[in-house]
């Protein structure tokens, strides 16, 4: 079984073509091309972590499109997934749907979240952060990666091997510098007072 990551497919979303300079004439052409790219990489028994913003189509359209995609799909819900995650028929297409998840692959711990996190659990201890949402516009420091399809030139999904190759060479996120706290004291009536 191979493992893949992706985000921000925005199936059926006509406006995303212009917004992200996707090379398609319309949403139908985009859907067909992205389904073909997905199924070229992903086989029936493979596992895909989709980090949100799956589709802008109606529920019936989205249901039919998801049936065309190979692999078992785990969904980290994004800001545009509210309607599809409430639909009981579409929910059945996913292995699970969560808003946040911590997983381990090959002894490597990962934090999965739709949004980029400046600090994530155990970032300074070698955990990796996988996210979407930004369409390739934000690259975090440390071992973090935007796996959205717009973060790749060819709209391909990230294989686990590609994620490892990309993040193993990045430095661990350093601890943030300690801020300069004001001198404070507790007064006799239990209030905090800044010492000038």
C-alpha atoms as a PDB file:
ATOM      1  CA  UNK A   1       0.000   0.000   0.000  1.00  0.00           C
ATOM      2  CA  UNK A   2       1.332   3.417  -0.993  1.00  0.00           C
ATOM      3  CA  UNK A   3       0.501   6.581   0.953  1.00  0.00           C
ATOM      4  CA  UNK A   4      -0.261   9.959  -0.617  1.00  0.00           C
ATOM      5  CA  UNK A   5      -1.123  13.463   0.562  1.00  0.00           C
ATOM      6  CA  UNK A   6      -3.041  16.252  -1.149  1.00  0.00           C
ATOM      7  CA  UNK A   7      -5.244  19.243  -0.384  1.00  0.00           C
ATOM      8  CA  UNK A   8      -7.298  21.993  -2.005  1.00  0.00           C
ATOM      9  CA  UNK A   9      -8.529  20.070  -5.033  1.00  0.00           C
ATOM     10  CA  UNK A  10     -11.558  22.391  -5.283  1.00  0.00           C
ATOM     11  CA  UNK A  11     -13.314  20.099  -7.746  1.00  0.00           C
ATOM     12  CA  UNK A  12     -16.098  21.911  -9.673  1.00  0.00           C
ATOM     13  CA  UNK A  13     -14.762  25.336  -8.613  1.00  0.00           C
ATOM     14  CA  UNK A  14     -14.699  27.543 -11.709  1.00  0.00           C
ATOM     15  CA  UNK A  15     -13.184  30.571  -9.913  1.00  0.00           C
ATOM     16  CA  UNK A  16     -10.159  28.616  -8.648  1.00  0.00           C
ATOM     17  CA  UNK A  17      -8.976  28.287 -12.253  1.00  0.00           C
ATOM     18  CA  UNK A  18      -8.329  32.031 -12.444  1.00  0.00           C
ATOM     19  CA  UNK A  19      -7.396  32.474  -8.786  1.00  0.00           C
ATOM     20  CA  UNK A  20      -4.599  29.877  -8.925  1.00  0.00           C
ATOM     21  CA  UNK A  21      -3.753  30.103 -12.632  1.00  0.00           C
ATOM     22  CA  UNK A  22      -4.806  26.521 -13.273  1.00  0.00           C
ATOM     23  CA  UNK A  23      -4.378  25.739 -16.993  1.00  0.00           C
ATOM     24  CA  UNK A  24      -7.973  24.715 -17.711  1.00  0.00           C
ATOM     25  CA  UNK A  25     -10.795  26.334 -19.677  1.00  0.00           C
ATOM     26  CA  UNK A  26     -13.561  25.289 -17.309  1.00  0.00           C
ATOM     27  CA  UNK A  27     -14.315  23.235 -14.204  1.00  0.00           C
ATOM     28  CA  UNK A  28     -15.364  20.162 -16.194  1.00  0.00           C
ATOM     29  CA  UNK A  29     -12.008  20.040 -17.982  1.00  0.00           C
ATOM     30  CA  UNK A  30     -10.231  20.605 -14.658  1.00  0.00           C
ATOM     31  CA  UNK A  31     -12.146  17.780 -12.956  1.00  0.00           C
ATOM     32  CA  UNK A  32     -11.399  15.314 -15.761  1.00  0.00           C
ATOM     33  CA  UNK A  33      -7.681  16.150 -15.778  1.00  0.00           C
ATOM     34  CA  UNK A  34      -7.329  15.992 -11.995  1.00  0.00           C
ATOM     35  CA  UNK A  35      -9.222  12.679 -11.741  1.00  0.00           C
ATOM     36  CA  UNK A  36      -6.923  11.222 -14.412  1.00  0.00           C
ATOM     37  CA  UNK A  37      -3.805  12.515 -12.611  1.00  0.00           C
ATOM     38  CA  UNK A  38      -5.065  11.154  -9.273  1.00  0.00           C
ATOM     39  CA  UNK A  39      -5.865   7.698 -10.672  1.00  0.00           C
ATOM     40  CA  UNK A  40      -2.549   7.514 -12.533  1.00  0.00           C
ATOM     41  CA  UNK A  41      -0.757   7.811  -9.173  1.00  0.00           C
ATOM     42  CA  UNK A  42      -3.172   6.195  -6.741  1.00  0.00           C
ATOM     43  CA  UNK A  43      -4.182   2.547  -7.007  1.00  0.00           C
ATOM     44  CA  UNK A  44      -7.296   0.981  -5.458  1.00  0.00           C
ATOM     45  CA  UNK A  45      -5.601  -0.197  -2.247  1.00  0.00           C
ATOM     46  CA  UNK A  46      -3.548   2.958  -1.650  1.00  0.00           C
ATOM     47  CA  UNK A  47      -4.217   5.457   1.146  1.00  0.00           C
ATOM     48  CA  UNK A  48      -4.722   9.181   0.537  1.00  0.00           C
ATOM     49  CA  UNK A  49      -4.761  11.846   3.237  1.00  0.00           C
ATOM     50  CA  UNK A  50      -6.747  14.751   1.784  1.00  0.00           C
ATOM     51  CA  UNK A  51      -6.156  17.875   3.859  1.00  0.00           C
ATOM     52  CA  UNK A  52      -9.342  19.666   2.967  1.00  0.00           C
ATOM     53  CA  UNK A  53     -11.327  21.729   0.478  1.00  0.00           C
ATOM     54  CA  UNK A  54     -12.380  18.784  -1.632  1.00  0.00           C
ATOM     55  CA  UNK A  55     -15.197  20.054  -3.829  1.00  0.00           C
ATOM     56  CA  UNK A  56     -17.396  23.004  -4.675  1.00  0.00           C
ATOM     57  CA  UNK A  57     -19.916  20.849  -6.537  1.00  0.00           C
ATOM     58  CA  UNK A  58     -23.369  19.917  -5.387  1.00  0.00           C
ATOM     59  CA  UNK A  59     -23.726  16.881  -3.160  1.00  0.00           C
ATOM     60  CA  UNK A  60     -24.764  14.540  -5.994  1.00  0.00           C
ATOM     61  CA  UNK A  61     -21.935  15.793  -8.243  1.00  0.00           C
ATOM     62  CA  UNK A  62     -19.375  15.402  -5.468  1.00  0.00           C
ATOM     63  CA  UNK A  63     -20.649  11.922  -4.585  1.00  0.00           C
ATOM     64  CA  UNK A  64     -20.241  10.758  -8.202  1.00  0.00           C
ATOM     65  CA  UNK A  65     -16.790  12.355  -8.539  1.00  0.00           C
ATOM     66  CA  UNK A  66     -15.475  10.793  -5.322  1.00  0.00           C
ATOM     67  CA  UNK A  67     -16.602   7.387  -6.603  1.00  0.00           C
ATOM     68  CA  UNK A  68     -14.239   7.847  -9.568  1.00  0.00           C
ATOM     69  CA  UNK A  69     -11.148   8.397  -7.400  1.00  0.00           C
ATOM     70  CA  UNK A  70      -8.901   5.456  -6.554  1.00  0.00           C
ATOM     71  CA  UNK A  71      -7.747   4.705  -3.036  1.00  0.00           C
ATOM     72  CA  UNK A  72      -8.972   4.902   0.518  1.00  0.00           C
ATOM     73  CA  UNK A  73      -9.347   8.563   1.482  1.00  0.00           C
ATOM     74  CA  UNK A  74      -8.965  10.047   4.963  1.00  0.00           C
ATOM     75  CA  UNK A  75     -10.228  13.630   5.128  1.00  0.00           C
ATOM     76  CA  UNK A  76      -8.941  16.450   7.280  1.00  0.00           C
ATOM     77  CA  UNK A  77     -11.852  18.823   6.752  1.00  0.00           C
ATOM     78  CA  UNK A  78     -11.133  22.273   5.367  1.00  0.00           C
ATOM     79  CA  UNK A  79     -13.044  25.531   5.506  1.00  0.00           C
ATOM     80  CA  UNK A  80     -15.040  24.636   2.361  1.00  0.00           C
ATOM     81  CA  UNK A  81     -16.043  21.107   3.418  1.00  0.00           C
ATOM     82  CA  UNK A  82     -18.919  21.847   5.799  1.00  0.00           C
ATOM     83  CA  UNK A  83     -21.686  20.674   3.465  1.00  0.00           C
ATOM     84  CA  UNK A  84     -20.034  17.491   2.239  1.00  0.00           C
ATOM     85  CA  UNK A  85     -18.993  16.286   5.695  1.00  0.00           C
ATOM     86  CA  UNK A  86     -22.595  16.511   6.899  1.00  0.00           C
ATOM     87  CA  UNK A  87     -23.900  14.356   4.049  1.00  0.00           C
ATOM     88  CA  UNK A  88     -24.206  10.704   5.212  1.00  0.00           C
ATOM     89  CA  UNK A  89     -23.679   9.266   1.709  1.00  0.00           C
ATOM     90  CA  UNK A  90     -20.533  11.272   1.033  1.00  0.00           C
ATOM     91  CA  UNK A  91     -19.199  10.523   4.524  1.00  0.00           C
ATOM     92  CA  UNK A  92     -19.215   6.822   3.626  1.00  0.00           C
ATOM     93  CA  UNK A  93     -16.637   7.451   0.873  1.00  0.00           C
ATOM     94  CA  UNK A  94     -14.047   8.466   3.467  1.00  0.00           C
ATOM     95  CA  UNK A  95     -12.250   6.141   5.864  1.00  0.00           C
ATOM     96  CA  UNK A  96     -12.635   8.894   8.444  1.00  0.00           C
ATOM     97  CA  UNK A  97     -13.240  12.648   8.610  1.00  0.00           C
ATOM     98  CA  UNK A  98     -11.528  14.784  11.245  1.00  0.00           C
ATOM     99  CA  UNK A  99     -10.486  18.406  11.652  1.00  0.00           C
ATOM    100  CA  UNK A 100      -7.070  17.552  13.136  1.00  0.00           C
ATOM    101  CA  UNK A 101      -5.086  14.352  13.402  1.00  0.00           C
ATOM    102  CA  UNK A 102      -1.706  13.104  14.576  1.00  0.00           C
ATOM    103  CA  UNK A 103      -0.397  10.046  12.755  1.00  0.00           C
ATOM    104  CA  UNK A 104       2.774   8.010  12.563  1.00  0.00           C
ATOM    105  CA  UNK A 105       4.285   6.587   9.368  1.00  0.00           C
ATOM    106  CA  UNK A 106       7.594   4.705   9.427  1.00  0.00           C
ATOM    107  CA  UNK A 107       8.218   5.926  13.000  1.00  0.00           C
ATOM    108  CA  UNK A 108       7.784   9.562  11.895  1.00  0.00           C
ATOM    109  CA  UNK A 109       5.108  11.558  13.742  1.00  0.00           C
ATOM    110  CA  UNK A 110       3.016  14.003  11.713  1.00  0.00           C
ATOM    111  CA  UNK A 111       0.474  16.683  12.560  1.00  0.00           C
ATOM    112  CA  UNK A 112      -2.257  16.934   9.912  1.00  0.00           C
ATOM    113  CA  UNK A 113      -4.324  20.115   9.796  1.00  0.00           C
ATOM    114  CA  UNK A 114      -5.953  22.036   6.949  1.00  0.00           C
ATOM    115  CA  UNK A 115      -4.426  25.323   8.063  1.00  0.00           C
ATOM    116  CA  UNK A 116      -0.705  26.125   8.421  1.00  0.00           C
ATOM    117  CA  UNK A 117       0.390  26.259  12.046  1.00  0.00           C
ATOM    118  CA  UNK A 118       3.325  28.459  13.070  1.00  0.00           C
ATOM    119  CA  UNK A 119       3.897  26.125  16.043  1.00  0.00           C
ATOM    120  CA  UNK A 120       2.632  22.543  16.089  1.00  0.00           C
ATOM    121  CA  UNK A 121       2.882  19.753  18.635  1.00  0.00           C
ATOM    122  CA  UNK A 122       6.502  18.695  19.172  1.00  0.00           C
ATOM    123  CA  UNK A 123       7.775  20.818  16.279  1.00  0.00           C
ATOM    124  CA  UNK A 124      11.048  21.269  18.175  1.00  0.00           C
ATOM    125  CA  UNK A 125      11.266  17.502  18.787  1.00  0.00           C
ATOM    126  CA  UNK A 126      11.139  16.450  15.150  1.00  0.00           C
ATOM    127  CA  UNK A 127       7.419  16.090  14.419  1.00  0.00           C
ATOM    128  CA  UNK A 128       6.361  17.171  10.920  1.00  0.00           C
ATOM    129  CA  UNK A 129       3.382  19.320   9.946  1.00  0.00           C
ATOM    130  CA  UNK A 130       1.367  18.647   6.781  1.00  0.00           C
ATOM    131  CA  UNK A 131      -1.175  21.274   5.721  1.00  0.00           C
ATOM    132  CA  UNK A 132      -3.086  22.856   2.838  1.00  0.00           C
ATOM    133  CA  UNK A 133      -5.305  25.947   2.587  1.00  0.00           C
ATOM    134  CA  UNK A 134      -2.678  28.354   1.239  1.00  0.00           C
ATOM    135  CA  UNK A 135      -2.497  27.059  -2.358  1.00  0.00           C
ATOM    136  CA  UNK A 136       1.285  27.247  -2.215  1.00  0.00           C
ATOM    137  CA  UNK A 137       1.411  30.860  -1.031  1.00  0.00           C
ATOM    138  CA  UNK A 138       2.832  30.223   2.468  1.00  0.00           C
ATOM    139  CA  UNK A 139       5.860  28.093   3.269  1.00  0.00           C
ATOM    140  CA  UNK A 140       6.367  27.652   6.977  1.00  0.00           C
ATOM    141  CA  UNK A 141       9.738  27.333   8.665  1.00  0.00           C
ATOM    142  CA  UNK A 142      10.805  23.979   9.987  1.00  0.00           C
ATOM    143  CA  UNK A 143       9.593  20.578   8.905  1.00  0.00           C
ATOM    144  CA  UNK A 144       6.246  21.673   7.476  1.00  0.00           C
ATOM    145  CA  UNK A 145       4.818  21.177   4.000  1.00  0.00           C
ATOM    146  CA  UNK A 146       1.875  22.525   1.995  1.00  0.00           C
ATOM    147  CA  UNK A 147       0.605  19.451   0.127  1.00  0.00           C
ATOM    148  CA  UNK A 148      -2.065  21.302  -1.828  1.00  0.00           C
ATOM    149  CA  UNK A 149      -2.163  20.638  -5.541  1.00  0.00           C
ATOM    150  CA  UNK A 150      -1.445  24.284  -6.340  1.00  0.00           C
ATOM    151  CA  UNK A 151       1.820  23.976  -4.400  1.00  0.00           C
ATOM    152  CA  UNK A 152       3.002  21.585  -7.155  1.00  0.00           C
ATOM    153  CA  UNK A 153       3.612  22.527 -10.757  1.00  0.00           C
ATOM    154  CA  UNK A 154       1.959  19.381 -12.135  1.00  0.00           C
ATOM    155  CA  UNK A 155      -1.014  19.071  -9.705  1.00  0.00           C
ATOM    156  CA  UNK A 156       0.192  15.643  -8.566  1.00  0.00           C
ATOM    157  CA  UNK A 157      -0.360  14.224  -5.119  1.00  0.00           C
ATOM    158  CA  UNK A 158       2.625  13.991  -2.784  1.00  0.00           C
ATOM    159  CA  UNK A 159       3.780  10.438  -2.200  1.00  0.00           C
ATOM    160  CA  UNK A 160       5.074   9.569   1.272  1.00  0.00           C
ATOM    161  CA  UNK A 161       8.537   9.134  -0.256  1.00  0.00           C
ATOM    162  CA  UNK A 162       8.415  12.673  -1.690  1.00  0.00           C
ATOM    163  CA  UNK A 163       7.243  14.121   1.632  1.00  0.00           C
ATOM    164  CA  UNK A 164      10.119  12.353   3.416  1.00  0.00           C
ATOM    165  CA  UNK A 165      12.688  13.543   0.868  1.00  0.00           C
ATOM    166  CA  UNK A 166      11.433  17.125   1.201  1.00  0.00           C
ATOM    167  CA  UNK A 167      11.171  17.292   4.999  1.00  0.00           C
ATOM    168  CA  UNK A 168      14.121  15.177   6.103  1.00  0.00           C
ATOM    169  CA  UNK A 169      16.540  17.832   4.817  1.00  0.00           C
ATOM    170  CA  UNK A 170      14.785  20.775   6.458  1.00  0.00           C
ATOM    171  CA  UNK A 171      15.943  21.959   9.870  1.00  0.00           C
ATOM    172  CA  UNK A 172      13.782  21.385  12.917  1.00  0.00           C
ATOM    173  CA  UNK A 173      11.775  24.445  13.888  1.00  0.00           C
ATOM    174  CA  UNK A 174      13.713  26.307  16.594  1.00  0.00           C
ATOM    175  CA  UNK A 175      12.099  27.371  19.819  1.00  0.00           C
ATOM    176  CA  UNK A 176      10.741  30.910  19.543  1.00  0.00           C
ATOM    177  CA  UNK A 177      12.771  33.566  21.351  1.00  0.00           C
ATOM    178  CA  UNK A 178      11.631  34.316  24.869  1.00  0.00           C
ATOM    179  CA  UNK A 179       9.770  37.627  24.969  1.00  0.00           C
ATOM    180  CA  UNK A 180      10.871  40.348  27.332  1.00  0.00           C
ATOM    181  CA  UNK A 181       8.291  40.161  30.089  1.00  0.00           C
ATOM    182  CA  UNK A 182       7.650  43.177  32.298  1.00  0.00           C
ATOM    183  CA  UNK A 183       8.464  42.918  35.992  1.00  0.00           C
ATOM    184  CA  UNK A 184       5.269  42.134  37.847  1.00  0.00           C
ATOM    185  CA  UNK A 185       4.095  41.536  41.357  1.00  0.00           C
ATOM    186  CA  UNK A 186       0.953  40.426  43.112  1.00  0.00           C
ATOM    187  CA  UNK A 187      -0.577  43.118  45.309  1.00  0.00           C
ATOM    188  CA  UNK A 188      -2.100  42.425  48.726  1.00  0.00           C
ATOM    189  CA  UNK A 189      -5.589  42.480  47.176  1.00  0.00           C
ATOM    190  CA  UNK A 190      -4.607  39.724  44.654  1.00  0.00           C
ATOM    191  CA  UNK A 191      -4.152  41.864  41.558  1.00  0.00           C
ATOM    192  CA  UNK A 192      -1.185  41.803  39.192  1.00  0.00           C
ATOM    193  CA  UNK A 193       0.751  45.047  39.057  1.00  0.00           C
ATOM    194  CA  UNK A 194       3.507  45.978  36.599  1.00  0.00           C
ATOM    195  CA  UNK A 195       6.609  47.318  38.336  1.00  0.00           C
ATOM    196  CA  UNK A 196       7.846  50.443  36.586  1.00  0.00           C
END
